[in-house]
């Protein structure tokens, strides 16, 4: 009995010791479980945003099998659709510039006409910075440009580091018209003449800015207006496009149609609401088919809207597929008008000219308005739509990081994307035109990146970095 008693006493003591050890280890187990749960949760969130970004950038692209202005693969037009036009590349160097400068500017009869004659065959040089401005010596005169070194340097840095096949950037001050940036880049230097901020290219969905302006101002459209349609957001299936504006199993608001660049919705808006005459009128108001007075050799932006008898082509034009060309300079001016109450200003790139004695022989005077393409109330609505492109639309991936954090705190940004295939240069044209503003400072920027076909960076990504440099560098 004593043996049994001792055995039971031993078992009782042993069990009590186990329970004590178990009580000590339980908090450690709980702590390890919490740490493991947090690690798995954070990893899952990171994986979710990575896959979401990958899906939007890559998978959707592969699913589309058509030419258009959303996210889609390359399909090239006929070679004859984009003729070669000799224009200046604002960032290229030119042999013999100094000699020609002496020829035009060594005398005492300086004039803007003589400077225009010089720039007709020579590009300006943005190499030397003095007192916060780029300067260029031409004979006995010193040209002082309006360019912002932070903007110009960032454009050069981004396009060079990402080694895009072709890229062009233009930026302006919306309140003065001063050009803040003008840079172009080609990874193959022998093809440098194919890209410039002064040349006109297919705009893609940038044309939807014009269609939206006409719809808001003349047809009473507002952000919550709904458009019915069949099919997906992108594509050019004629059977869907020619259906009545009220026909369709899908419905999208005007705001989201703009932000997500819904092709078929804007085709219907252009065809059934705006029409040929009104659409052409607003293209012209935005200074398409008109000469912009600019001292550099700026090519005209063009548009020719088909008549109502070519209804499908009319719709395609309103959505950005056909019949328009736009320069990066004008694309920036369009965004500038939106945040300047509808006023489009005369762009200028020369601040002043100084002679060898230090006297100012030319100085840009005052702000000149080119036109008022839209009213202040239309500009306010359009600005709202452009902000939605960044917060809810295609542009979000360029302005928010993988953790869903906005990368330009304190700055209001908005814009419009545009994607379409083109020739000369051949590739996928990735456009962005937009703006950044605070209470005391504004910038309007456009960026065109031509890819063939791998995406390195898009126009929106270039624009985001330029806006950042303007406000924070």
Protein backbone atom coordinates (compact mmCIF):
# COMPACT_ATOMS: atom_id res chain seq x y z
CA UNK A 1 0.00 0.00 0.00
CA UNK A 2 2.86 2.34 0.83
CA UNK A 3 4.36 1.61 -2.59
CA UNK A 4 1.06 2.39 -4.30
CA UNK A 5 0.68 5.50 -2.25
CA UNK A 6 4.18 6.65 -3.12
CA UNK A 7 3.52 5.94 -6.82
CA UNK A 8 0.32 7.96 -6.75
CA UNK A 9 2.11 10.75 -4.92
CA UNK A 10 4.81 10.70 -7.58
CA UNK A 11 2.26 10.87 -10.40
CA UNK A 12 0.45 13.72 -8.68
CA UNK A 13 3.70 15.68 -8.31
CA UNK A 14 4.67 14.99 -11.93
CA UNK A 15 1.32 16.16 -13.30
CA UNK A 16 1.45 19.30 -11.21
CA UNK A 17 4.92 20.06 -12.60
CA UNK A 18 3.68 19.57 -16.17
CA UNK A 19 0.77 21.93 -15.58
CA UNK A 20 3.14 24.52 -14.17
CA UNK A 21 5.45 24.26 -17.18
CA UNK A 22 2.44 24.43 -19.48
CA UNK A 23 1.26 27.64 -17.85
CA UNK A 24 4.70 29.15 -18.33
CA UNK A 25 4.90 28.25 -22.06
CA UNK A 26 1.33 29.26 -22.97
CA UNK A 27 2.09 33.04 -23.29
CA UNK A 28 5.11 32.16 -25.46
CA UNK A 29 2.92 30.07 -27.76
CA UNK A 30 0.39 32.88 -28.00
CA UNK A 31 3.13 35.40 -28.80
CA UNK A 32 4.57 33.14 -31.52
CA UNK A 33 1.07 32.67 -32.98
CA UNK A 34 0.44 36.45 -33.11
CA UNK A 35 3.81 37.08 -34.80
CA UNK A 36 3.14 34.34 -37.35
CA UNK A 37 -0.35 35.72 -38.02
CA UNK A 38 1.01 39.25 -38.59
CA UNK A 39 3.76 38.02 -40.92
CA UNK A 40 1.29 35.98 -42.99
CA UNK A 41 -1.22 38.88 -43.09
CA UNK A 42 1.33 41.49 -44.18
CA UNK A 43 2.77 39.10 -46.74
CA UNK A 44 -0.70 38.40 -48.05
CA UNK A 45 -1.49 42.10 -48.41
CA UNK A 46 1.78 42.72 -50.27
CA UNK A 47 1.09 39.75 -52.53
CA UNK A 48 -2.45 41.01 -53.19
CA UNK A 49 -1.33 44.46 -54.35
CA UNK A 50 1.53 42.97 -56.37
CA UNK A 51 -0.82 40.60 -58.19
CA UNK A 52 -3.39 43.36 -58.63
CA UNK A 53 -0.81 45.63 -60.21
CA UNK A 54 0.56 42.78 -62.35
CA UNK A 55 -2.95 41.86 -63.49
CA UNK A 56 -3.79 45.44 -64.46
CA UNK A 57 -0.50 45.97 -66.29
CA UNK A 58 0.05 42.58 -67.91
CA UNK A 59 -2.89 40.18 -67.84
CA UNK A 60 -5.49 42.67 -69.05
CA UNK A 61 -3.10 43.68 -71.81
CA UNK A 62 -2.85 40.08 -73.05
CA UNK A 63 -6.61 39.57 -72.91
CA UNK A 64 -7.30 42.41 -75.36
CA UNK A 65 -6.99 41.56 -79.04
CA UNK A 66 -7.78 44.88 -80.62
CA UNK A 67 -6.23 48.21 -81.47
CA UNK A 68 -7.35 51.03 -79.23
CA UNK A 69 -6.77 53.56 -76.52
CA UNK A 70 -6.95 51.57 -73.30
CA UNK A 71 -4.57 48.82 -72.18
CA UNK A 72 -3.85 46.78 -75.29
CA UNK A 73 -1.08 45.25 -77.43
CA UNK A 74 0.58 46.84 -80.42
CA UNK A 75 -1.01 46.76 -83.84
CA UNK A 76 0.57 49.07 -86.35
CA UNK A 77 -1.13 51.19 -88.98
CA UNK A 78 -0.02 51.40 -92.58
CA UNK A 79 3.30 53.10 -93.05
CA UNK A 80 1.79 55.95 -95.00
CA UNK A 81 -0.39 57.27 -92.20
CA UNK A 82 2.28 59.36 -90.52
CA UNK A 83 4.40 61.40 -92.90
CA UNK A 84 7.88 62.59 -92.00
CA UNK A 85 7.95 66.27 -91.24
CA UNK A 86 11.18 68.05 -90.41
CA UNK A 87 10.86 69.85 -87.10
CA UNK A 88 13.21 70.76 -84.29
CA UNK A 89 14.11 68.56 -81.35
CA UNK A 90 14.58 70.91 -78.42
CA UNK A 91 17.22 68.78 -76.75
CA UNK A 92 19.47 67.88 -79.69
CA UNK A 93 22.81 69.49 -80.37
CA UNK A 94 23.68 71.18 -83.65
CA UNK A 95 27.02 71.61 -85.36
CA UNK A 96 27.95 75.09 -86.44
CA UNK A 97 25.44 76.79 -84.13
CA UNK A 98 28.02 79.21 -82.75
CA UNK A 99 29.10 80.31 -86.22
CA UNK A 100 25.53 80.89 -87.34
CA UNK A 101 24.85 82.69 -84.08
CA UNK A 102 27.64 85.12 -84.89
CA UNK A 103 26.24 85.59 -88.37
CA UNK A 104 22.82 86.64 -87.05
CA UNK A 105 23.64 88.27 -83.74
CA UNK A 106 27.06 89.97 -83.82
CA UNK A 107 25.56 93.21 -85.07
CA UNK A 108 23.39 95.68 -83.21
CA UNK A 109 20.15 94.91 -85.03
CA UNK A 110 18.79 92.17 -82.82
CA UNK A 111 15.16 91.23 -83.40
CA UNK A 112 12.80 88.37 -82.60
CA UNK A 113 12.54 87.71 -86.34
CA UNK A 114 16.29 87.11 -86.55
CA UNK A 115 16.03 84.74 -83.60
CA UNK A 116 13.15 82.88 -85.26
CA UNK A 117 15.24 82.57 -88.41
CA UNK A 118 18.05 81.06 -86.37
CA UNK A 119 15.75 78.56 -84.63
CA UNK A 120 14.21 77.58 -87.96
CA UNK A 121 17.34 75.54 -88.65
CA UNK A 122 18.90 75.14 -85.20
CA UNK A 123 17.67 73.74 -81.91
CA UNK A 124 18.12 75.70 -78.70
CA UNK A 125 20.77 74.38 -76.31
CA UNK A 126 19.85 73.79 -72.69
CA UNK A 127 23.25 73.03 -71.23
CA UNK A 128 24.26 75.94 -68.99
CA UNK A 129 22.35 77.04 -65.89
CA UNK A 130 22.90 80.48 -64.40
CA UNK A 131 20.86 82.05 -61.59
CA UNK A 132 18.25 79.31 -61.86
CA UNK A 133 17.73 79.60 -65.63
CA UNK A 134 19.18 77.95 -68.70
CA UNK A 135 21.22 80.37 -70.76
CA UNK A 136 22.69 80.16 -74.25
CA UNK A 137 25.32 82.39 -75.82
CA UNK A 138 24.58 83.44 -79.42
CA UNK A 139 27.16 85.83 -80.79
CA UNK A 140 27.16 88.95 -78.61
CA UNK A 141 23.84 88.06 -77.03
CA UNK A 142 22.79 85.81 -74.16
CA UNK A 143 19.41 84.06 -74.36
CA UNK A 144 17.76 83.38 -71.00
CA UNK A 145 15.17 80.59 -71.16
CA UNK A 146 12.13 80.00 -68.96
CA UNK A 147 12.88 76.32 -68.34
CA UNK A 148 12.95 75.04 -64.76
CA UNK A 149 16.20 73.09 -64.21
CA UNK A 150 14.49 70.63 -61.82
CA UNK A 151 11.85 69.77 -64.43
CA UNK A 152 14.31 69.58 -67.31
CA UNK A 153 16.81 67.47 -65.39
CA UNK A 154 14.13 65.08 -64.16
CA UNK A 155 12.78 64.57 -67.69
CA UNK A 156 16.28 63.77 -68.91
CA UNK A 157 17.00 61.52 -65.94
CA UNK A 158 13.80 59.45 -66.16
CA UNK A 159 13.82 58.88 -69.92
CA UNK A 160 17.53 58.06 -69.88
CA UNK A 161 17.49 55.75 -66.85
CA UNK A 162 14.50 53.79 -68.13
CA UNK A 163 16.09 53.73 -71.59
CA UNK A 164 12.78 54.06 -73.38
CA UNK A 165 12.95 53.70 -77.18
CA UNK A 166 11.47 57.19 -77.56
CA UNK A 167 10.20 59.81 -75.14
CA UNK A 168 9.11 63.45 -75.15
CA UNK A 169 8.11 65.81 -72.35
CA UNK A 170 6.59 69.29 -72.32
CA UNK A 171 5.63 71.30 -69.23
CA UNK A 172 4.18 74.79 -68.83
CA UNK A 173 3.17 77.20 -66.11
CA UNK A 174 -0.65 77.32 -66.45
CA UNK A 175 -0.86 80.89 -65.12
CA UNK A 176 1.82 82.50 -67.28
CA UNK A 177 2.38 80.27 -70.31
CA UNK A 178 6.10 79.96 -69.54
CA UNK A 179 7.55 76.67 -70.78
CA UNK A 180 9.05 74.85 -67.79
CA UNK A 181 10.29 71.76 -69.57
CA UNK A 182 10.94 70.62 -73.14
CA UNK A 183 12.95 67.46 -73.62
CA UNK A 184 13.05 64.51 -76.01
CA UNK A 185 15.02 61.28 -76.00
CA UNK A 186 15.73 58.34 -78.29
CA UNK A 187 17.73 55.31 -77.16
CA UNK A 188 18.96 54.99 -80.76
CA UNK A 189 20.60 58.33 -81.49
CA UNK A 190 20.31 57.83 -85.22
CA UNK A 191 16.51 58.05 -84.83
CA UNK A 192 16.52 61.15 -82.61
CA UNK A 193 14.78 63.19 -85.31
CA UNK A 194 11.67 61.02 -84.99
CA UNK A 195 10.76 62.30 -81.53
CA UNK A 196 10.28 65.85 -80.25
CA UNK A 197 8.01 67.85 -78.00
CA UNK A 198 7.41 70.04 -81.04
CA UNK A 199 6.08 67.31 -83.35
CA UNK A 200 2.50 66.03 -83.60
CA UNK A 201 1.58 62.40 -82.90
CA UNK A 202 -1.57 60.28 -82.62
CA UNK A 203 -3.22 61.31 -79.35
CA UNK A 204 -5.15 58.19 -78.41
CA UNK A 205 -7.54 58.89 -75.55
CA UNK A 206 -6.26 62.44 -75.05
CA UNK A 207 -8.92 63.26 -77.65
CA UNK A 208 -11.52 62.36 -75.02
CA UNK A 209 -10.68 65.65 -73.30
CA UNK A 210 -12.11 67.42 -76.33
CA UNK A 211 -15.17 65.14 -76.53
CA UNK A 212 -15.81 65.55 -72.79
CA UNK A 213 -15.51 69.34 -73.05
CA UNK A 214 -18.10 69.48 -75.82
CA UNK A 215 -20.45 67.14 -73.93
CA UNK A 216 -20.21 69.10 -70.67
CA UNK A 217 -20.49 72.57 -72.13
CA UNK A 218 -23.02 72.03 -74.90
CA UNK A 219 -24.99 68.95 -73.84
CA UNK A 220 -25.18 69.34 -70.08
CA UNK A 221 -23.14 66.26 -69.15
CA UNK A 222 -22.13 65.91 -65.49
CA UNK A 223 -19.95 63.35 -63.65
CA UNK A 224 -22.90 61.18 -62.55
CA UNK A 225 -24.52 60.96 -66.00
CA UNK A 226 -24.82 57.30 -67.04
CA UNK A 227 -24.08 55.81 -70.44
CA UNK A 228 -25.36 52.37 -71.46
CA UNK A 229 -23.27 50.06 -73.64
CA UNK A 230 -22.58 46.45 -74.55
CA UNK A 231 -19.20 44.75 -74.59
CA UNK A 232 -16.14 45.62 -72.54
CA UNK A 233 -14.58 48.94 -71.62
CA UNK A 234 -12.23 48.79 -74.58
CA UNK A 235 -12.57 47.65 -78.16
CA UNK A 236 -13.88 48.69 -81.56
CA UNK A 237 -16.59 46.12 -82.28
CA UNK A 238 -18.76 48.04 -84.71
CA UNK A 239 -21.94 46.19 -83.71
CA UNK A 240 -21.68 47.61 -80.20
CA UNK A 241 -20.62 51.11 -81.26
CA UNK A 242 -23.56 51.81 -83.57
CA UNK A 243 -26.16 50.79 -80.98
CA UNK A 244 -28.36 53.53 -79.58
CA UNK A 245 -27.06 55.51 -76.60
CA UNK A 246 -29.71 53.95 -74.33
CA UNK A 247 -29.01 50.40 -75.48
CA UNK A 248 -26.78 48.05 -73.54
CA UNK A 249 -26.58 45.65 -70.64
CA UNK A 250 -23.74 47.59 -69.04
CA UNK A 251 -23.84 51.07 -67.58
CA UNK A 252 -21.03 53.42 -66.61
CA UNK A 253 -20.96 56.94 -65.20
CA UNK A 254 -19.45 59.78 -67.21
CA UNK A 255 -16.83 60.16 -64.47
CA UNK A 256 -15.68 56.53 -64.64
CA UNK A 257 -15.92 56.44 -68.43
CA UNK A 258 -13.38 59.28 -68.47
CA UNK A 259 -11.22 57.92 -65.65
CA UNK A 260 -11.06 54.39 -67.05
CA UNK A 261 -11.01 55.66 -70.66
CA UNK A 262 -14.02 53.62 -71.79
CA UNK A 263 -13.77 53.64 -75.58
CA UNK A 264 -17.29 52.57 -76.48
CA UNK A 265 -18.93 55.01 -74.04
CA UNK A 266 -17.03 57.95 -75.52
CA UNK A 267 -17.74 56.73 -79.03
CA UNK A 268 -21.45 56.85 -78.25
CA UNK A 269 -21.12 60.28 -76.61
CA UNK A 270 -19.34 61.63 -79.69
CA UNK A 271 -21.78 60.09 -82.17
CA UNK A 272 -25.18 60.32 -80.49
CA UNK A 273 -24.76 63.46 -78.37
CA UNK A 274 -21.97 65.73 -79.59
CA UNK A 275 -22.00 65.20 -83.34
CA UNK A 276 -19.60 66.22 -86.12
CA UNK A 277 -19.98 70.01 -86.11
CA UNK A 278 -19.73 70.42 -82.36
CA UNK A 279 -16.80 68.03 -82.02
CA UNK A 280 -14.87 69.82 -84.77
CA UNK A 281 -15.67 73.14 -83.13
CA UNK A 282 -14.10 72.06 -79.85
CA UNK A 283 -11.04 70.59 -81.51
CA UNK A 284 -10.55 73.97 -83.13
CA UNK A 285 -11.15 75.78 -79.85
CA UNK A 286 -8.35 73.74 -78.29
CA UNK A 287 -6.10 75.09 -81.05
CA UNK A 288 -6.08 72.11 -83.37
CA UNK A 289 -5.78 73.24 -86.99
CA UNK A 290 -4.46 76.61 -85.83
CA UNK A 291 -0.99 78.10 -85.68
CA UNK A 292 0.33 78.62 -82.15
CA UNK A 293 2.69 81.62 -82.08
CA UNK A 294 5.91 80.13 -80.73
CA UNK A 295 9.50 81.09 -81.41
CA UNK A 296 10.54 77.46 -81.95
CA UNK A 297 9.43 75.44 -84.95
CA UNK A 298 6.23 74.03 -83.42
CA UNK A 299 4.29 71.75 -85.74
CA UNK A 300 0.53 72.29 -85.98
CA UNK A 301 -1.77 69.85 -84.21
CA UNK A 302 -4.53 68.69 -86.54
CA UNK A 303 -7.97 67.10 -86.54
CA UNK A 304 -10.60 66.40 -89.16
CA UNK A 305 -13.86 65.03 -87.81
CA UNK A 306 -15.82 62.88 -90.31
CA UNK A 307 -19.36 63.84 -91.28
CA UNK A 308 -22.44 62.18 -89.81
CA UNK A 309 -22.66 59.97 -92.90
CA UNK A 310 -19.50 58.25 -91.61
CA UNK A 311 -21.06 57.67 -88.22
CA UNK A 312 -18.74 54.90 -87.04
CA UNK A 313 -15.61 56.88 -87.99
CA UNK A 314 -17.10 59.90 -86.22
CA UNK A 315 -17.40 57.80 -83.06
CA UNK A 316 -13.84 56.50 -83.43
CA UNK A 317 -12.56 60.06 -83.75
CA UNK A 318 -14.35 61.15 -80.57
CA UNK A 319 -12.81 58.21 -78.69
CA UNK A 320 -9.31 58.98 -79.98
CA UNK A 321 -8.72 56.31 -82.61
CA UNK A 322 -8.59 58.40 -85.77
CA UNK A 323 -8.18 61.72 -87.53
CA UNK A 324 -6.11 63.69 -85.02
CA UNK A 325 -2.49 64.58 -84.22
CA UNK A 326 -1.28 66.53 -81.20
CA UNK A 327 2.09 67.86 -80.03
CA UNK A 328 3.27 67.36 -76.45
CA UNK A 329 3.34 71.17 -76.15
CA UNK A 330 -0.36 71.50 -77.02
CA UNK A 331 -1.24 68.50 -74.84
CA UNK A 332 0.33 70.33 -71.88
CA UNK A 333 -1.54 73.54 -72.80
CA UNK A 334 -4.83 71.63 -72.78
CA UNK A 335 -4.29 70.53 -69.18
CA UNK A 336 -3.11 74.04 -68.32
CA UNK A 337 -6.42 75.45 -69.57
CA UNK A 338 -8.33 73.09 -67.27
CA UNK A 339 -6.65 74.43 -64.10
CA UNK A 340 -6.59 78.00 -65.35
CA UNK A 341 -10.34 78.52 -65.51
CA UNK A 342 -10.60 77.55 -69.18
CA UNK A 343 -7.95 79.99 -70.43
CA UNK A 344 -5.29 78.70 -72.80
CA UNK A 345 -2.24 80.94 -72.70
CA UNK A 346 0.33 81.79 -75.34
CA UNK A 347 3.40 79.64 -74.57
CA UNK A 348 6.82 81.26 -74.48
CA UNK A 349 10.29 79.86 -73.78
CA UNK A 350 12.51 82.97 -73.84
CA UNK A 351 12.45 85.09 -70.70
CA UNK A 352 14.82 87.78 -71.95
CA UNK A 353 17.82 88.52 -74.18
CA UNK A 354 20.86 90.44 -72.94
CA UNK A 355 23.59 92.05 -75.07
CA UNK A 356 27.35 92.08 -74.38
CA UNK A 357 27.02 95.25 -72.29
CA UNK A 358 24.49 93.65 -69.96
CA UNK A 359 21.52 95.58 -71.36
CA UNK A 360 18.19 93.82 -71.85
CA UNK A 361 17.32 94.04 -75.55
CA UNK A 362 14.25 91.81 -75.30
CA UNK A 363 11.98 90.81 -72.45
CA UNK A 364 8.76 88.83 -72.56
CA UNK A 365 5.93 91.05 -71.47
CA UNK A 366 2.65 90.10 -69.89
CA UNK A 367 0.33 87.11 -70.16
CA UNK A 368 -1.36 86.61 -73.51
CA UNK A 369 -4.48 84.46 -73.88
CA UNK A 370 -4.63 82.30 -77.00
CA UNK A 371 -8.27 81.34 -76.53
CA UNK A 372 -10.89 80.28 -74.01
CA UNK A 373 -11.74 76.76 -75.25
CA UNK A 374 -14.01 76.11 -72.26
CA UNK A 375 -15.83 78.16 -69.64
CA UNK A 376 -14.72 78.23 -65.98
CA UNK A 377 -17.64 75.98 -64.96
CA UNK A 378 -16.75 73.43 -67.65
CA UNK A 379 -13.12 73.60 -66.57
CA UNK A 380 -14.16 72.82 -62.97
CA UNK A 381 -16.08 69.69 -64.04
CA UNK A 382 -13.30 68.57 -66.36
CA UNK A 383 -10.78 69.04 -63.56
CA UNK A 384 -12.91 66.78 -61.39
CA UNK A 385 -12.89 64.12 -64.09
CA UNK A 386 -9.12 64.39 -64.52
CA UNK A 387 -8.59 63.98 -60.78
CA UNK A 388 -10.67 60.79 -61.00
CA UNK A 389 -8.22 59.41 -63.56
CA UNK A 390 -5.56 59.51 -60.85
CA UNK A 391 -7.71 58.44 -57.89
CA UNK A 392 -10.00 55.85 -59.53
CA UNK A 393 -8.84 55.30 -63.09
CA UNK A 394 -5.98 54.13 -65.26
CA UNK A 395 -3.58 56.75 -63.90
CA UNK A 396 -3.84 55.43 -60.34
CA UNK A 397 -1.03 52.90 -60.83
CA UNK A 398 1.38 55.72 -61.65
CA UNK A 399 0.52 57.93 -58.66
CA UNK A 400 -0.02 55.28 -55.94
CA UNK A 401 2.54 52.74 -54.79
CA UNK A 402 2.00 49.02 -54.23
CA UNK A 403 0.88 49.76 -50.65
CA UNK A 404 -1.95 51.94 -51.98
CA UNK A 405 -0.23 55.12 -50.76
CA UNK A 406 -0.48 58.37 -52.72
CA UNK A 407 3.04 59.43 -53.69
CA UNK A 408 2.49 63.20 -53.96
CA UNK A 409 1.05 64.25 -50.59
CA UNK A 410 -0.19 67.82 -50.44
CA UNK A 411 -0.43 68.13 -54.23
CA UNK A 412 -3.68 67.93 -56.19
CA UNK A 413 -3.08 65.97 -59.37
CA UNK A 414 -5.21 64.93 -62.31
CA UNK A 415 -4.83 63.98 -65.92
CA UNK A 416 -5.79 61.88 -68.90
CA UNK A 417 -4.07 58.83 -70.28
CA UNK A 418 -3.85 57.87 -73.93
CA UNK A 419 -2.58 54.67 -75.51
CA UNK A 420 -2.50 53.87 -79.21
CA UNK A 421 -0.14 52.32 -81.73
CA UNK A 422 1.58 54.49 -84.28
CA UNK A 423 4.36 54.83 -86.83
CA UNK A 424 7.34 57.19 -87.12
CA UNK A 425 8.34 56.31 -84.54
CA UNK A 426 6.89 52.83 -84.61
CA UNK A 427 5.60 51.55 -81.28
CA UNK A 428 2.94 51.78 -78.64
CA UNK A 429 2.28 55.41 -77.72
CA UNK A 430 1.80 55.83 -73.97
CA UNK A 431 0.52 59.36 -73.31
CA UNK A 432 -0.29 61.30 -70.20
CA UNK A 433 -1.30 64.93 -69.90
CA UNK A 434 -2.16 66.37 -66.54
CA UNK A 435 -1.43 68.82 -63.77
CA UNK A 436 -0.18 69.29 -60.26
CA UNK A 437 -1.16 72.17 -58.01
CA UNK A 438 -0.95 73.57 -54.52
CA UNK A 439 -2.27 76.90 -53.24
CA UNK A 440 0.79 78.75 -54.48
CA UNK A 441 2.16 76.72 -57.37
CA UNK A 442 0.92 74.96 -60.52
CA UNK A 443 2.34 72.95 -63.38
CA UNK A 444 0.80 71.33 -66.45
CA UNK A 445 2.76 68.52 -68.05
CA UNK A 446 2.50 66.07 -70.91
CA UNK A 447 4.66 63.03 -71.50
CA UNK A 448 4.78 60.63 -74.43
CA UNK A 449 6.64 57.34 -74.17
CA UNK A 450 6.88 55.08 -77.22
CA UNK A 451 7.43 51.41 -76.31
CA UNK A 452 8.28 48.46 -78.55
CA UNK A 453 6.54 46.56 -76.91
CA UNK A 454 7.94 46.02 -73.38
CA UNK A 455 6.71 48.52 -70.80
CA UNK A 456 9.53 50.24 -68.94
CA UNK A 457 7.61 53.31 -67.82
CA UNK A 458 4.48 55.00 -69.14
CA UNK A 459 3.64 58.64 -69.71
CA UNK A 460 1.88 58.76 -66.36
CA UNK A 461 4.94 57.49 -64.52
CA UNK A 462 7.15 60.09 -66.21
CA UNK A 463 4.64 62.86 -65.39
CA UNK A 464 4.40 61.84 -61.73
CA UNK A 465 8.17 62.08 -61.33
CA UNK A 466 8.29 65.46 -63.07
CA UNK A 467 5.51 66.86 -60.89
CA UNK A 468 7.36 65.59 -57.81
CA UNK A 469 10.59 67.26 -58.93
CA UNK A 470 8.82 70.56 -59.57
CA UNK A 471 7.33 70.75 -56.07
CA UNK A 472 9.93 68.99 -53.95
CA UNK A 473 13.34 69.60 -55.57
